[in-house]
Amino acid sequence: DISVDSPLHTQVYRHISSVLDAMKPVLLTTGVADEQELDALCQQMLIDVYSDPFQATWTLTTMLVEKA
C-alpha cells in the first residue's frame, strides 16, 4: 500500500521526482512521448501522488528461474 498516510507513501513522495527524471531519457529515446507530453504527464502525476485522496498499491513480482 502506497496510499496517503501509509508508511511507504512517504518514501514514494520523497523519491518520485528522481524516478521520473531517471525514466525520461528512456521514454524519449523509445518515442513513447515527446518532451512536452512527458513534462505534462510528470506534472500531473506529481499532483496526483501528493493529493490527499491518493490511493495506490505497488505489486512486486519476483521470479526465480533455474537453468535446466
Protein backbone atom coordinates (compact mmCIF):
# COMPACT_ATOMS: atom_id res chain seq x y z
CA ASP A 1 0.00 0.00 0.00
CA ILE A 2 1.48 3.36 -1.06
CA SER A 3 -1.66 5.40 -0.41
CA VAL A 4 -1.63 8.66 1.52
CA ASP A 5 -0.96 8.08 5.24
CA SER A 6 0.70 4.70 4.61
CA PRO A 7 4.33 4.24 5.70
CA LEU A 8 5.55 3.72 2.11
CA HIS A 9 3.80 6.84 0.78
CA THR A 10 6.46 8.99 2.44
CA GLN A 11 9.18 7.13 0.53
CA VAL A 12 7.30 7.44 -2.76
CA TYR A 13 6.67 11.11 -2.01
CA ARG A 14 10.39 11.74 -1.43
CA HIS A 15 11.68 9.88 -4.49
CA ILE A 16 9.04 10.12 -7.23
CA SER A 17 10.66 13.17 -8.86
CA SER A 18 14.00 11.37 -9.10
CA VAL A 19 12.38 8.28 -10.59
CA LEU A 20 10.54 10.35 -13.18
CA ASP A 21 13.73 12.23 -14.10
CA ALA A 22 15.61 8.93 -14.49
CA MET A 23 12.92 7.46 -16.74
CA LYS A 24 12.59 10.47 -19.03
CA PRO A 25 15.60 9.80 -21.33
CA VAL A 26 14.47 6.21 -21.92
CA LEU A 27 10.92 7.28 -22.71
CA LEU A 28 12.15 9.99 -25.08
CA THR A 29 14.56 7.60 -26.84
CA THR A 30 11.89 4.94 -27.35
CA GLY A 31 9.44 7.51 -28.70
CA VAL A 32 6.76 6.85 -26.11
CA ALA A 33 6.06 10.57 -25.97
CA ASP A 34 7.73 13.85 -26.78
CA GLU A 35 9.27 16.06 -24.09
CA GLN A 36 6.23 18.33 -23.70
CA GLU A 37 3.90 15.34 -23.25
CA LEU A 38 6.23 13.76 -20.68
CA ASP A 39 6.57 17.02 -18.77
CA ALA A 40 2.77 17.39 -18.64
CA LEU A 41 2.31 13.76 -17.56
CA CYS A 42 5.01 14.05 -14.88
CA GLN A 43 3.46 17.24 -13.54
CA GLN A 44 0.02 15.60 -13.36
CA MET A 45 1.49 12.50 -11.72
CA LEU A 46 3.15 14.61 -9.02
CA ILE A 47 -0.11 16.46 -8.39
CA ASP A 48 -1.93 13.13 -8.07
CA VAL A 49 0.66 11.47 -5.80
CA TYR A 50 0.78 14.49 -3.48
CA SER A 51 -3.02 14.89 -3.24
CA ASP A 52 -4.88 13.76 -0.12
CA PRO A 53 -7.18 11.24 -1.82
CA PHE A 54 -4.25 9.39 -3.46
CA GLN A 55 -4.66 5.62 -3.14
CA ALA A 56 -2.41 3.03 -4.75
CA THR A 57 -0.77 -0.32 -4.33
CA TRP A 58 2.58 -1.43 -5.65
CA THR A 59 2.63 -5.01 -6.86
CA LEU A 60 6.06 -6.59 -6.96
CA THR A 61 6.58 -9.96 -8.59
CA THR A 62 9.78 -11.91 -8.16
CA MET A 63 10.68 -14.86 -10.34
CA LEU A 64 13.40 -17.34 -9.54
CA VAL A 65 14.49 -19.33 -12.56
CA GLU A 66 16.77 -22.31 -12.68
CA LYS A 67 18.53 -23.18 -15.90
CA ALA A 68 17.82 -26.80 -16.84
